Amino acid sequence: MGQDRWIARGQCEELVMEIVSTVADDAGVDVFDLPPLTETIDTEAMQALLAGSDSSVRLYFEYAGRTVVVGADGSVRVRDRKVSP
C-alpha cells in the first residue's frame, strides 16, 4: 500500500494538508481521525528545509503508523512502516 502525490514548492499550508490527506487516504481514515501533524514534526522547519534545497532532497519521518517521504520537488509519498520507502 502507498500513496504518491505532488504539490507546488513553497506552500507550507498546502504541504501540511497534502501530507495529512495522503496519510488519511492510505490508512483509510478521515483526516480528522489523525493526530495534528505538528505533534510529529515542526512543519515550518520542514518547509524551510525543503524550500532551500535542490529537488533531490528528501525528508523522511513517521506519522500515524506510516513512513512519510516529502521531497523538495513537491512529492509526498506514504508507505506502511513495514515497507522501505
N, C-alpha and C. Protein backbone atom coordinates (compact mmCIF):
# COMPACT_ATOMS: atom_id res chain seq x y z
N MET A 1 0.83 -1.18 0.00
CA MET A 1 0.00 0.00 0.00
C MET A 1 0.87 1.24 0.00
N GLY A 2 0.43 2.28 -0.61
CA GLY A 2 1.17 3.53 -0.60
C GLY A 2 0.49 4.56 -1.47
N GLN A 3 0.83 5.80 -1.22
CA GLN A 3 0.27 6.91 -1.98
C GLN A 3 1.41 7.82 -2.41
N ASP A 4 1.33 8.34 -3.61
CA ASP A 4 2.29 9.32 -4.11
C ASP A 4 1.52 10.52 -4.63
N ARG A 5 1.97 11.73 -4.24
CA ARG A 5 1.34 12.96 -4.73
C ARG A 5 2.41 14.03 -4.88
N TRP A 6 2.08 15.07 -5.63
CA TRP A 6 2.99 16.19 -5.82
C TRP A 6 2.26 17.50 -5.58
N ILE A 7 2.98 18.47 -5.01
CA ILE A 7 2.43 19.81 -4.80
C ILE A 7 3.46 20.83 -5.25
N ALA A 8 3.04 22.07 -5.39
CA ALA A 8 3.96 23.14 -5.77
C ALA A 8 4.89 23.46 -4.60
N ARG A 9 6.12 23.83 -4.91
CA ARG A 9 7.09 24.18 -3.87
C ARG A 9 6.71 25.48 -3.20
N GLY A 10 7.10 25.60 -1.91
CA GLY A 10 6.95 26.85 -1.19
C GLY A 10 5.58 27.13 -0.61
N GLN A 11 4.75 26.13 -0.51
CA GLN A 11 3.40 26.33 0.01
C GLN A 11 3.22 25.48 1.27
N CYS A 12 3.58 26.03 2.44
CA CYS A 12 3.60 25.27 3.69
C CYS A 12 2.23 24.73 4.07
N GLU A 13 1.22 25.57 4.08
CA GLU A 13 -0.11 25.11 4.48
C GLU A 13 -0.62 24.02 3.55
N GLU A 14 -0.40 24.19 2.26
CA GLU A 14 -0.82 23.18 1.29
C GLU A 14 -0.03 21.88 1.49
N LEU A 15 1.26 22.01 1.81
CA LEU A 15 2.08 20.83 2.06
C LEU A 15 1.57 20.05 3.25
N VAL A 16 1.26 20.73 4.33
CA VAL A 16 0.74 20.07 5.53
C VAL A 16 -0.57 19.35 5.21
N MET A 17 -1.47 20.03 4.53
CA MET A 17 -2.76 19.42 4.19
C MET A 17 -2.57 18.21 3.25
N GLU A 18 -1.63 18.32 2.33
CA GLU A 18 -1.38 17.22 1.40
C GLU A 18 -0.81 16.00 2.13
N ILE A 19 0.09 16.24 3.07
CA ILE A 19 0.64 15.13 3.85
C ILE A 19 -0.46 14.44 4.63
N VAL A 20 -1.25 15.21 5.38
CA VAL A 20 -2.32 14.64 6.20
C VAL A 20 -3.35 13.92 5.32
N SER A 21 -3.72 14.53 4.22
CA SER A 21 -4.69 13.92 3.31
C SER A 21 -4.16 12.62 2.70
N THR A 22 -2.91 12.61 2.31
CA THR A 22 -2.31 11.42 1.70
C THR A 22 -2.22 10.28 2.72
N VAL A 23 -1.83 10.61 3.96
CA VAL A 23 -1.77 9.59 5.01
C VAL A 23 -3.17 9.06 5.31
N ALA A 24 -4.15 9.95 5.41
CA ALA A 24 -5.52 9.52 5.68
C ALA A 24 -6.04 8.61 4.57
N ASP A 25 -5.80 8.97 3.33
CA ASP A 25 -6.22 8.13 2.20
C ASP A 25 -5.57 6.76 2.27
N ASP A 26 -4.27 6.73 2.56
CA ASP A 26 -3.55 5.46 2.62
C ASP A 26 -4.03 4.59 3.77
N ALA A 27 -4.36 5.23 4.90
CA ALA A 27 -4.82 4.49 6.09
C ALA A 27 -6.30 4.16 6.04
N GLY A 28 -7.03 4.80 5.11
CA GLY A 28 -8.46 4.56 5.01
C GLY A 28 -9.26 5.21 6.13
N VAL A 29 -8.77 6.37 6.60
CA VAL A 29 -9.47 7.09 7.67
C VAL A 29 -9.71 8.53 7.24
N ASP A 30 -10.53 9.22 8.02
CA ASP A 30 -10.79 10.64 7.79
C ASP A 30 -9.61 11.45 8.32
N VAL A 31 -9.32 12.58 7.70
CA VAL A 31 -8.21 13.42 8.15
C VAL A 31 -8.38 13.85 9.61
N PHE A 32 -9.61 13.98 10.07
CA PHE A 32 -9.87 14.41 11.44
C PHE A 32 -9.62 13.30 12.46
N ASP A 33 -9.41 12.07 11.98
CA ASP A 33 -9.08 10.96 12.86
C ASP A 33 -7.58 10.87 13.14
N LEU A 34 -6.78 11.66 12.42
CA LEU A 34 -5.33 11.65 12.60
C LEU A 34 -4.90 12.70 13.60
N PRO A 35 -3.77 12.47 14.28
CA PRO A 35 -3.26 13.49 15.19
C PRO A 35 -2.74 14.69 14.38
N PRO A 36 -2.66 15.86 14.99
CA PRO A 36 -2.10 17.01 14.28
C PRO A 36 -0.67 16.71 13.83
N LEU A 37 -0.36 17.06 12.61
CA LEU A 37 0.98 16.82 12.07
C LEU A 37 2.05 17.52 12.90
N THR A 38 1.70 18.66 13.47
CA THR A 38 2.66 19.43 14.28
C THR A 38 3.08 18.70 15.56
N GLU A 39 2.36 17.64 15.95
CA GLU A 39 2.79 16.83 17.08
C GLU A 39 3.91 15.88 16.69
N THR A 40 4.12 15.73 15.39
CA THR A 40 5.13 14.81 14.88
C THR A 40 6.36 15.54 14.35
N ILE A 41 6.16 16.66 13.68
CA ILE A 41 7.26 17.36 13.03
C ILE A 41 7.00 18.86 13.06
N ASP A 42 8.06 19.63 13.12
CA ASP A 42 7.96 21.09 13.04
C ASP A 42 7.72 21.43 11.57
N THR A 43 6.49 21.76 11.23
CA THR A 43 6.13 21.95 9.83
C THR A 43 6.79 23.18 9.21
N GLU A 44 7.02 24.21 10.01
CA GLU A 44 7.71 25.40 9.47
C GLU A 44 9.17 25.09 9.16
N ALA A 45 9.81 24.33 10.04
CA ALA A 45 11.20 23.92 9.80
C ALA A 45 11.28 23.00 8.57
N MET A 46 10.30 22.10 8.44
CA MET A 46 10.26 21.21 7.29
C MET A 46 10.18 22.03 6.00
N GLN A 47 9.28 22.99 5.97
CA GLN A 47 9.12 23.83 4.78
C GLN A 47 10.39 24.62 4.49
N ALA A 48 11.01 25.17 5.53
CA ALA A 48 12.23 25.95 5.33
C ALA A 48 13.35 25.08 4.78
N LEU A 49 13.47 23.87 5.29
CA LEU A 49 14.49 22.94 4.81
C LEU A 49 14.26 22.60 3.34
N LEU A 50 13.03 22.26 3.01
CA LEU A 50 12.73 21.84 1.64
C LEU A 50 12.80 23.00 0.65
N ALA A 51 12.37 24.18 1.07
CA ALA A 51 12.36 25.34 0.17
C ALA A 51 13.77 25.77 -0.18
N GLY A 52 14.72 25.55 0.73
CA GLY A 52 16.09 25.98 0.49
C GLY A 52 16.97 24.89 -0.08
N SER A 53 16.38 23.81 -0.57
CA SER A 53 17.14 22.65 -1.04
C SER A 53 16.91 22.40 -2.52
N ASP A 54 17.85 21.67 -3.13
CA ASP A 54 17.62 21.28 -4.52
C ASP A 54 16.59 20.15 -4.56
N SER A 55 16.09 19.85 -5.71
CA SER A 55 14.96 18.92 -5.85
C SER A 55 15.27 17.48 -5.47
N SER A 56 16.53 17.14 -5.23
CA SER A 56 16.88 15.77 -4.87
C SER A 56 16.76 15.49 -3.37
N VAL A 57 16.54 16.53 -2.55
CA VAL A 57 16.46 16.36 -1.10
C VAL A 57 15.14 15.71 -0.72
N ARG A 58 15.22 14.74 0.20
CA ARG A 58 14.04 14.04 0.71
C ARG A 58 14.07 14.09 2.23
N LEU A 59 12.91 14.27 2.84
CA LEU A 59 12.77 14.26 4.29
C LEU A 59 11.88 13.08 4.66
N TYR A 60 12.38 12.21 5.54
CA TYR A 60 11.65 11.01 5.98
C TYR A 60 11.23 11.19 7.42
N PHE A 61 9.99 10.83 7.74
CA PHE A 61 9.55 10.83 9.13
C PHE A 61 8.36 9.89 9.28
N GLU A 62 8.10 9.50 10.52
CA GLU A 62 6.99 8.61 10.85
C GLU A 62 5.80 9.45 11.29
N TYR A 63 4.62 9.09 10.78
CA TYR A 63 3.39 9.80 11.15
C TYR A 63 2.21 8.85 11.03
N ALA A 64 1.48 8.68 12.12
CA ALA A 64 0.25 7.89 12.14
C ALA A 64 0.45 6.48 11.57
N GLY A 65 1.54 5.85 11.96
CA GLY A 65 1.78 4.48 11.53
C GLY A 65 2.30 4.34 10.11
N ARG A 66 2.71 5.43 9.52
CA ARG A 66 3.21 5.42 8.14
C ARG A 66 4.56 6.11 8.07
N THR A 67 5.36 5.72 7.09
CA THR A 67 6.57 6.46 6.76
C THR A 67 6.20 7.47 5.69
N VAL A 68 6.47 8.73 5.96
CA VAL A 68 6.18 9.81 5.02
C VAL A 68 7.50 10.29 4.43
N VAL A 69 7.54 10.43 3.12
CA VAL A 69 8.71 10.94 2.43
C VAL A 69 8.27 12.18 1.66
N VAL A 70 8.83 13.33 2.05
CA VAL A 70 8.49 14.59 1.40
C VAL A 70 9.73 15.07 0.66
N GLY A 71 9.56 15.36 -0.62
CA GLY A 71 10.68 15.80 -1.42
C GLY A 71 10.66 17.29 -1.68
N ALA A 72 11.83 17.86 -1.85
CA ALA A 72 11.92 19.28 -2.19
C ALA A 72 11.32 19.56 -3.56
N ASP A 73 11.11 18.50 -4.35
CA ASP A 73 10.48 18.64 -5.66
C ASP A 73 8.95 18.70 -5.57
N GLY A 74 8.41 18.64 -4.33
CA GLY A 74 6.97 18.70 -4.13
C GLY A 74 6.30 17.35 -4.00
N SER A 75 7.09 16.27 -4.02
CA SER A 75 6.50 14.94 -3.90
C SER A 75 6.16 14.61 -2.45
N VAL A 76 5.07 13.89 -2.28
CA VAL A 76 4.66 13.37 -0.97
C VAL A 76 4.38 11.89 -1.18
N ARG A 77 5.13 11.06 -0.47
CA ARG A 77 4.96 9.61 -0.58
C ARG A 77 4.68 9.05 0.80
N VAL A 78 3.79 8.09 0.86
CA VAL A 78 3.41 7.47 2.13
C VAL A 78 3.50 5.97 1.98
N ARG A 79 4.14 5.35 2.96
CA ARG A 79 4.29 3.90 2.95
C ARG A 79 4.00 3.36 4.34
N ASP A 80 3.55 2.11 4.43
CA ASP A 80 3.44 1.44 5.73
C ASP A 80 4.83 1.40 6.34
N ARG A 81 4.91 1.42 7.66
CA ARG A 81 6.23 1.37 8.33
C ARG A 81 7.01 0.13 7.96
N LYS A 82 6.33 -0.97 7.69
CA LYS A 82 6.99 -2.22 7.37
C LYS A 82 7.67 -2.17 6.02
N VAL A 83 7.25 -1.26 5.17
CA VAL A 83 7.76 -1.19 3.81
C VAL A 83 8.84 -0.12 3.73
N SER A 84 9.96 -0.46 3.12
CA SER A 84 11.03 0.52 2.95
C SER A 84 10.61 1.58 1.94
N PRO A 85 10.87 2.88 2.25
CA PRO A 85 10.48 3.96 1.32
C PRO A 85 11.32 3.90 0.10
